[in-house]
Amino acid sequence: MLSVIHAFNLLWLNKQQLLLRFLDACQSGNLSALAETLSDDVTAWTDGGDKSSAALRPIVGLNMVMRYCLGIIEKPACK
């Protein structure tokens, strides 16, 4: 049982590190670092939650998703 818990904790740490790398790449505008955190066939689904606007359709492909992420970071509410 301990090995299962250990494996889960490692998986959680890997996800956490990936998220931090993604956020850092977005905030710094580092396209190559951002591309390393996403797959080539990435699709982003957005939801504004009735409080902000969001993309009406899924955003498909690495370049489009990266442009979208960097565009969001540039909005005044994110700074």
PDB file of N, CA and C in Angstrom:
ATOM      1  N   MET A   1       0.823  -1.196   0.000  1.00  0.00           N
ATOM      2  CA  MET A   1       0.000   0.000   0.000  1.00  0.00           C
ATOM      3  C   MET A   1       0.866   1.259   0.000  1.00  0.00           C
ATOM      4  N   LEU A   2       1.992   1.219   0.689  1.00  0.00           N
ATOM      5  CA  LEU A   2       2.859   2.392   0.730  1.00  0.00           C
ATOM      6  C   LEU A   2       3.394   2.749  -0.647  1.00  0.00           C
ATOM      7  N   SER A   3       3.671   1.745  -1.476  1.00  0.00           N
ATOM      8  CA  SER A   3       4.180   2.042  -2.816  1.00  0.00           C
ATOM      9  C   SER A   3       3.116   2.736  -3.663  1.00  0.00           C
ATOM     10  N   VAL A   4       1.850   2.383  -3.468  1.00  0.00           N
ATOM     11  CA  VAL A   4       0.761   3.040  -4.189  1.00  0.00           C
ATOM     12  C   VAL A   4       0.661   4.496  -3.753  1.00  0.00           C
ATOM     13  N   ILE A   5       0.745   4.735  -2.456  1.00  0.00           N
ATOM     14  CA  ILE A   5       0.694   6.104  -1.939  1.00  0.00           C
ATOM     15  C   ILE A   5       1.886   6.902  -2.452  1.00  0.00           C
ATOM     16  N   HIS A   6       3.059   6.300  -2.446  1.00  0.00           N
ATOM     17  CA  HIS A   6       4.265   6.973  -2.931  1.00  0.00           C
ATOM     18  C   HIS A   6       4.126   7.314  -4.415  1.00  0.00           C
ATOM     19  N   ALA A   7       3.620   6.386  -5.205  1.00  0.00           N
ATOM     20  CA  ALA A   7       3.432   6.625  -6.637  1.00  0.00           C
ATOM     21  C   ALA A   7       2.434   7.759  -6.864  1.00  0.00           C
ATOM     22  N   PHE A   8       1.359   7.789  -6.081  1.00  0.00           N
ATOM     23  CA  PHE A   8       0.366   8.859  -6.201  1.00  0.00           C
ATOM     24  C   PHE A   8       0.994  10.205  -5.864  1.00  0.00           C
ATOM     25  N   ASN A   9       1.792  10.248  -4.804  1.00  0.00           N
ATOM     26  CA  ASN A   9       2.437  11.498  -4.409  1.00  0.00           C
ATOM     27  C   ASN A   9       3.399  11.988  -5.482  1.00  0.00           C
ATOM     28  N   LEU A  10       4.140  11.077  -6.112  1.00  0.00           N
ATOM     29  CA  LEU A  10       5.036  11.464  -7.199  1.00  0.00           C
ATOM     30  C   LEU A  10       4.252  12.003  -8.385  1.00  0.00           C
ATOM     31  N   LEU A  11       3.138  11.350  -8.704  1.00  0.00           N
ATOM     32  CA  LEU A  11       2.297  11.812  -9.800  1.00  0.00           C
ATOM     33  C   LEU A  11       1.778  13.214  -9.504  1.00  0.00           C
ATOM     34  N   TRP A  12       1.346  13.447  -8.267  1.00  0.00           N
ATOM     35  CA  TRP A  12       0.846  14.763  -7.862  1.00  0.00           C
ATOM     36  C   TRP A  12       1.954  15.810  -7.978  1.00  0.00           C
ATOM     37  N   LEU A  13       3.152  15.479  -7.540  1.00  0.00           N
ATOM     38  CA  LEU A  13       4.270  16.420  -7.631  1.00  0.00           C
ATOM     39  C   LEU A  13       4.602  16.738  -9.081  1.00  0.00           C
ATOM     40  N   ASN A  14       4.564  15.738  -9.951  1.00  0.00           N
ATOM     41  CA  ASN A  14       4.829  15.966 -11.375  1.00  0.00           C
ATOM     42  C   ASN A  14       3.792  16.902 -11.982  1.00  0.00           C
ATOM     43  N   LYS A  15       2.530  16.710 -11.630  1.00  0.00           N
ATOM     44  CA  LYS A  15       1.468  17.578 -12.139  1.00  0.00           C
ATOM     45  C   LYS A  15       1.640  18.996 -11.616  1.00  0.00           C
ATOM     46  N   GLN A  16       1.991  19.104 -10.356  1.00  0.00           N
ATOM     47  CA  GLN A  16       2.194  20.414  -9.749  1.00  0.00           C
ATOM     48  C   GLN A  16       3.371  21.138 -10.416  1.00  0.00           C
ATOM     49  N   GLN A  17       4.451  20.424 -10.666  1.00  0.00           N
ATOM     50  CA  GLN A  17       5.616  21.020 -11.329  1.00  0.00           C
ATOM     51  C   GLN A  17       5.278  21.439 -12.760  1.00  0.00           C
ATOM     52  N   LEU A  18       4.505  20.626 -13.457  1.00  0.00           N
ATOM     53  CA  LEU A  18       4.094  20.960 -14.817  1.00  0.00           C
ATOM     54  C   LEU A  18       3.244  22.228 -14.819  1.00  0.00           C
ATOM     55  N   LEU A  19       2.316  22.321 -13.875  1.00  0.00           N
ATOM     56  CA  LEU A  19       1.470  23.507 -13.778  1.00  0.00           C
ATOM     57  C   LEU A  19       2.310  24.754 -13.510  1.00  0.00           C
ATOM     58  N   LEU A  20       3.261  24.654 -12.604  1.00  0.00           N
ATOM     59  CA  LEU A  20       4.119  25.801 -12.294  1.00  0.00           C
ATOM     60  C   LEU A  20       4.964  26.205 -13.507  1.00  0.00           C
ATOM     61  N   ARG A  21       5.466  25.229 -14.250  1.00  0.00           N
ATOM     62  CA  ARG A  21       6.229  25.531 -15.470  1.00  0.00           C
ATOM     63  C   ARG A  21       5.343  26.209 -16.513  1.00  0.00           C
ATOM     64  N   PHE A  22       4.098  25.733 -16.644  1.00  0.00           N
ATOM     65  CA  PHE A  22       3.139  26.322 -17.581  1.00  0.00           C
ATOM     66  C   PHE A  22       2.854  27.778 -17.209  1.00  0.00           C
ATOM     67  N   LEU A  23       2.550  28.021 -15.937  1.00  0.00           N
ATOM     68  CA  LEU A  23       2.234  29.381 -15.495  1.00  0.00           C
ATOM     69  C   LEU A  23       3.425  30.316 -15.657  1.00  0.00           C
ATOM     70  N   ASP A  24       4.608  29.833 -15.317  1.00  0.00           N
ATOM     71  CA  ASP A  24       5.815  30.647 -15.462  1.00  0.00           C
ATOM     72  C   ASP A  24       6.057  30.988 -16.931  1.00  0.00           C
ATOM     73  N   ALA A  25       5.868  30.020 -17.813  1.00  0.00           N
ATOM     74  CA  ALA A  25       6.064  30.258 -19.246  1.00  0.00           C
ATOM     75  C   ALA A  25       5.053  31.275 -19.768  1.00  0.00           C
ATOM     76  N   CYS A  26       3.809  31.187 -19.313  1.00  0.00           N
ATOM     77  CA  CYS A  26       2.787  32.157 -19.728  1.00  0.00           C
ATOM     78  C   CYS A  26       3.146  33.557 -19.247  1.00  0.00           C
ATOM     79  N   GLN A  27       3.499  33.667 -17.976  1.00  0.00           N
ATOM     80  CA  GLN A  27       3.791  34.979 -17.400  1.00  0.00           C
ATOM     81  C   GLN A  27       5.029  35.617 -18.008  1.00  0.00           C
ATOM     82  N   SER A  28       6.009  34.815 -18.360  1.00  0.00           N
ATOM     83  CA  SER A  28       7.244  35.362 -18.932  1.00  0.00           C
ATOM     84  C   SER A  28       7.149  35.535 -20.448  1.00  0.00           C
ATOM     85  N   GLY A  29       6.130  34.916 -21.063  1.00  0.00           N
ATOM     86  CA  GLY A  29       5.991  34.986 -22.511  1.00  0.00           C
ATOM     87  C   GLY A  29       6.987  34.110 -23.250  1.00  0.00           C
ATOM     88  N   ASN A  30       7.538  33.127 -22.565  1.00  0.00           N
ATOM     89  CA  ASN A  30       8.541  32.233 -23.142  1.00  0.00           C
ATOM     90  C   ASN A  30       7.844  31.150 -23.968  1.00  0.00           C
ATOM     91  N   LEU A  31       7.805  31.348 -25.281  1.00  0.00           N
ATOM     92  CA  LEU A  31       7.077  30.424 -26.158  1.00  0.00           C
ATOM     93  C   LEU A  31       7.656  29.017 -26.163  1.00  0.00           C
ATOM     94  N   SER A  32       8.967  28.885 -26.156  1.00  0.00           N
ATOM     95  CA  SER A  32       9.547  27.540 -26.199  1.00  0.00           C
ATOM     96  C   SER A  32       9.261  26.787 -24.905  1.00  0.00           C
ATOM     97  N   ALA A  33       9.313  27.469 -23.772  1.00  0.00           N
ATOM     98  CA  ALA A  33       8.990  26.819 -22.495  1.00  0.00           C
ATOM     99  C   ALA A  33       7.511  26.463 -22.438  1.00  0.00           C
ATOM    100  N   LEU A  34       6.665  27.338 -22.975  1.00  0.00           N
ATOM    101  CA  LEU A  34       5.229  27.059 -22.996  1.00  0.00           C
ATOM    102  C   LEU A  34       4.937  25.848 -23.875  1.00  0.00           C
ATOM    103  N   ALA A  35       5.584  25.771 -25.029  1.00  0.00           N
ATOM    104  CA  ALA A  35       5.377  24.641 -25.944  1.00  0.00           C
ATOM    105  C   ALA A  35       5.786  23.324 -25.303  1.00  0.00           C
ATOM    106  N   GLU A  36       6.787  23.358 -24.420  1.00  0.00           N
ATOM    107  CA  GLU A  36       7.230  22.135 -23.746  1.00  0.00           C
ATOM    108  C   GLU A  36       6.203  21.614 -22.746  1.00  0.00           C
ATOM    109  N   THR A  37       5.285  22.458 -22.307  1.00  0.00           N
ATOM    110  CA  THR A  37       4.288  22.029 -21.320  1.00  0.00           C
ATOM    111  C   THR A  37       2.994  21.545 -21.970  1.00  0.00           C
ATOM    112  N   LEU A  38       2.878  21.695 -23.277  1.00  0.00           N
ATOM    113  CA  LEU A  38       1.653  21.318 -23.989  1.00  0.00           C
ATOM    114  C   LEU A  38       1.966  20.287 -25.066  1.00  0.00           C
ATOM    115  N   SER A  39       0.979  19.469 -25.400  1.00  0.00           N
ATOM    116  CA  SER A  39       1.170  18.517 -26.496  1.00  0.00           C
ATOM    117  C   SER A  39       0.819  19.197 -27.818  1.00  0.00           C
ATOM    118  N   ASP A  40       1.296  18.649 -28.904  1.00  0.00           N
ATOM    119  CA  ASP A  40       1.035  19.231 -30.224  1.00  0.00           C
ATOM    120  C   ASP A  40      -0.452  19.233 -30.566  1.00  0.00           C
ATOM    121  N   ASP A  41      -1.184  18.261 -30.050  1.00  0.00           N
ATOM    122  CA  ASP A  41      -2.611  18.155 -30.373  1.00  0.00           C
ATOM    123  C   ASP A  41      -3.499  18.683 -29.241  1.00  0.00           C
ATOM    124  N   VAL A  42      -3.005  19.652 -28.487  1.00  0.00           N
ATOM    125  CA  VAL A  42      -3.741  20.211 -27.355  1.00  0.00           C
ATOM    126  C   VAL A  42      -5.029  20.890 -27.825  1.00  0.00           C
ATOM    127  N   THR A  43      -6.070  20.780 -27.002  1.00  0.00           N
ATOM    128  CA  THR A  43      -7.326  21.495 -27.207  1.00  0.00           C
ATOM    129  C   THR A  43      -7.699  22.162 -25.897  1.00  0.00           C
ATOM    130  N   ALA A  44      -8.012  23.447 -25.945  1.00  0.00           N
ATOM    131  CA  ALA A  44      -8.411  24.188 -24.745  1.00  0.00           C
ATOM    132  C   ALA A  44      -9.908  24.466 -24.800  1.00  0.00           C
ATOM    133  N   TRP A  45     -10.582  24.117 -23.725  1.00  0.00           N
ATOM    134  CA  TRP A  45     -12.002  24.407 -23.563  1.00  0.00           C
ATOM    135  C   TRP A  45     -12.097  25.486 -22.495  1.00  0.00           C
ATOM    136  N   THR A  46     -12.824  26.557 -22.771  1.00  0.00           N
ATOM    137  CA  THR A  46     -12.888  27.665 -21.820  1.00  0.00           C
ATOM    138  C   THR A  46     -14.306  27.872 -21.321  1.00  0.00           C
ATOM    139  N   ASP A  47     -14.400  28.496 -20.152  1.00  0.00           N
ATOM    140  CA  ASP A  47     -15.687  28.808 -19.550  1.00  0.00           C
ATOM    141  C   ASP A  47     -15.511  30.075 -18.727  1.00  0.00           C
ATOM    142  N   GLY A  48     -16.204  31.117 -19.099  1.00  0.00           N
ATOM    143  CA  GLY A  48     -16.091  32.380 -18.385  1.00  0.00           C
ATOM    144  C   GLY A  48     -16.838  32.396 -17.070  1.00  0.00           C
ATOM    145  N   GLY A  49     -17.668  31.391 -16.823  1.00  0.00           N
ATOM    146  CA  GLY A  49     -18.391  31.320 -15.561  1.00  0.00           C
ATOM    147  C   GLY A  49     -19.367  32.467 -15.349  1.00  0.00           C
ATOM    148  N   ASP A  50     -19.926  33.016 -16.403  1.00  0.00           N
ATOM    149  CA  ASP A  50     -20.873  34.135 -16.346  1.00  0.00           C
ATOM    150  C   ASP A  50     -20.264  35.413 -15.795  1.00  0.00           C
ATOM    151  N   LYS A  51     -18.954  35.436 -15.548  1.00  0.00           N
ATOM    152  CA  LYS A  51     -18.322  36.641 -15.012  1.00  0.00           C
ATOM    153  C   LYS A  51     -17.366  37.280 -16.003  1.00  0.00           C
ATOM    154  N   SER A  52     -16.958  36.541 -16.998  1.00  0.00           N
ATOM    155  CA  SER A  52     -16.051  37.091 -18.002  1.00  0.00           C
ATOM    156  C   SER A  52     -16.291  36.388 -19.330  1.00  0.00           C
ATOM    157  N   SER A  53     -15.775  36.991 -20.376  1.00  0.00           N
ATOM    158  CA  SER A  53     -15.951  36.375 -21.692  1.00  0.00           C
ATOM    159  C   SER A  53     -14.981  35.208 -21.854  1.00  0.00           C
ATOM    160  N   ALA A  54     -15.365  34.288 -22.683  1.00  0.00           N
ATOM    161  CA  ALA A  54     -14.535  33.113 -22.947  1.00  0.00           C
ATOM    162  C   ALA A  54     -14.690  32.757 -24.419  1.00  0.00           C
ATOM    163  N   ALA A  55     -13.781  31.948 -24.911  1.00  0.00           N
ATOM    164  CA  ALA A  55     -13.879  31.487 -26.296  1.00  0.00           C
ATOM    165  C   ALA A  55     -15.158  30.668 -26.451  1.00  0.00           C
ATOM    166  N   LEU A  56     -15.884  30.913 -27.509  1.00  0.00           N
ATOM    167  CA  LEU A  56     -17.150  30.220 -27.719  1.00  0.00           C
ATOM    168  C   LEU A  56     -16.968  28.803 -28.234  1.00  0.00           C
ATOM    169  N   ARG A  57     -15.822  28.543 -28.859  1.00  0.00           N
ATOM    170  CA  ARG A  57     -15.531  27.216 -29.403  1.00  0.00           C
ATOM    171  C   ARG A  57     -14.210  26.722 -28.834  1.00  0.00           C
ATOM    172  N   PRO A  58     -13.993  25.416 -28.862  1.00  0.00           N
ATOM    173  CA  PRO A  58     -12.698  24.892 -28.403  1.00  0.00           C
ATOM    174  C   PRO A  58     -11.556  25.493 -29.224  1.00  0.00           C
ATOM    175  N   ILE A  59     -10.436  25.699 -28.565  1.00  0.00           N
ATOM    176  CA  ILE A  59      -9.240  26.225 -29.215  1.00  0.00           C
ATOM    177  C   ILE A  59      -8.342  25.024 -29.494  1.00  0.00           C
ATOM    178  N   VAL A  60      -8.055  24.781 -30.764  1.00  0.00           N
ATOM    179  CA  VAL A  60      -7.386  23.548 -31.181  1.00  0.00           C
ATOM    180  C   VAL A  60      -5.998  23.840 -31.746  1.00  0.00           C
ATOM    181  N   GLY A  61      -5.026  23.050 -31.300  1.00  0.00           N
ATOM    182  CA  GLY A  61      -3.676  23.133 -31.842  1.00  0.00           C
ATOM    183  C   GLY A  61      -2.731  23.919 -30.952  1.00  0.00           C
ATOM    184  N   LEU A  62      -1.485  23.525 -30.984  1.00  0.00           N
ATOM    185  CA  LEU A  62      -0.467  24.109 -30.114  1.00  0.00           C
ATOM    186  C   LEU A  62      -0.338  25.619 -30.297  1.00  0.00           C
ATOM    187  N   ASN A  63      -0.202  26.084 -31.525  1.00  0.00           N
ATOM    188  CA  ASN A  63      -0.006  27.519 -31.751  1.00  0.00           C
ATOM    189  C   ASN A  63      -1.206  28.340 -31.309  1.00  0.00           C
ATOM    190  N   MET A  64      -2.406  27.872 -31.603  1.00  0.00           N
ATOM    191  CA  MET A  64      -3.608  28.617 -31.225  1.00  0.00           C
ATOM    192  C   MET A  64      -3.781  28.662 -29.704  1.00  0.00           C
ATOM    193  N   VAL A  65      -3.526  27.559 -29.032  1.00  0.00           N
ATOM    194  CA  VAL A  65      -3.664  27.524 -27.572  1.00  0.00           C
ATOM    195  C   VAL A  65      -2.608  28.413 -26.920  1.00  0.00           C
ATOM    196  N   MET A  66      -1.389  28.384 -27.435  1.00  0.00           N
ATOM    197  CA  MET A  66      -0.347  29.253 -26.873  1.00  0.00           C
ATOM    198  C   MET A  66      -0.716  30.724 -27.056  1.00  0.00           C
ATOM    199  N   ARG A  67      -1.192  31.091 -28.226  1.00  0.00           N
ATOM    200  CA  ARG A  67      -1.607  32.480 -28.464  1.00  0.00           C
ATOM    201  C   ARG A  67      -2.728  32.879 -27.518  1.00  0.00           C
ATOM    202  N   TYR A  68      -3.676  31.981 -27.308  1.00  0.00           N
ATOM    203  CA  TYR A  68      -4.787  32.268 -26.401  1.00  0.00           C
ATOM    204  C   TYR A  68      -4.281  32.476 -24.969  1.00  0.00           C
ATOM    205  N   CYS A  69      -3.423  31.575 -24.499  1.00  0.00           N
ATOM    206  CA  CYS A  69      -2.897  31.679 -23.129  1.00  0.00           C
ATOM    207  C   CYS A  69      -2.116  32.970 -22.933  1.00  0.00           C
ATOM    208  N   LEU A  70      -1.273  33.302 -23.884  1.00  0.00           N
ATOM    209  CA  LEU A  70      -0.493  34.533 -23.770  1.00  0.00           C
ATOM    210  C   LEU A  70      -1.385  35.765 -23.869  1.00  0.00           C
ATOM    211  N   GLY A  71      -2.445  35.686 -24.656  1.00  0.00           N
ATOM    212  CA  GLY A  71      -3.393  36.794 -24.760  1.00  0.00           C
ATOM    213  C   GLY A  71      -4.127  37.047 -23.459  1.00  0.00           C
ATOM    214  N   ILE A  72      -4.481  35.980 -22.755  1.00  0.00           N
ATOM    215  CA  ILE A  72      -5.168  36.128 -21.469  1.00  0.00           C
ATOM    216  C   ILE A  72      -4.252  36.805 -20.459  1.00  0.00           C
ATOM    217  N   ILE A  73      -2.994  36.408 -20.440  1.00  0.00           N
ATOM    218  CA  ILE A  73      -2.034  36.970 -19.488  1.00  0.00           C
ATOM    219  C   ILE A  73      -1.872  38.474 -19.704  1.00  0.00           C
ATOM    220  N   GLU A  74      -2.021  38.932 -20.939  1.00  0.00           N
ATOM    221  CA  GLU A  74      -1.852  40.351 -21.249  1.00  0.00           C
ATOM    222  C   GLU A  74      -3.032  41.206 -20.798  1.00  0.00           C
ATOM    223  N   LYS A  75      -4.159  40.589 -20.459  1.00  0.00           N
ATOM    224  CA  LYS A  75      -5.328  41.362 -20.034  1.00  0.00           C
ATOM    225  C   LYS A  75      -5.056  42.014 -18.682  1.00  0.00           C
ATOM    226  N   PRO A  76      -5.558  43.226 -18.476  1.00  0.00           N
ATOM    227  CA  PRO A  76      -5.282  43.952 -17.226  1.00  0.00           C
ATOM    228  C   PRO A  76      -5.674  43.205 -15.954  1.00  0.00           C
ATOM    229  N   ALA A  77      -6.742  42.428 -15.978  1.00  0.00           N
ATOM    230  CA  ALA A  77      -7.189  41.715 -14.769  1.00  0.00           C
ATOM    231  C   ALA A  77      -6.181  40.671 -14.316  1.00  0.00           C
ATOM    232  N   CYS A  78      -5.323  40.212 -15.201  1.00  0.00           N
ATOM    233  CA  CYS A  78      -4.335  39.184 -14.868  1.00  0.00           C
ATOM    234  C   CYS A  78      -3.033  39.767 -14.344  1.00  0.00           C
ATOM    235  N   LYS A  79      -2.880  41.057 -14.436  1.00  0.00           N
ATOM    236  CA  LYS A  79      -1.609  41.673 -14.015  1.00  0.00           C
ATOM    237  C   LYS A  79      -1.684  42.170 -12.596  1.00  0.00           C
TER     238      LYS A  79
END
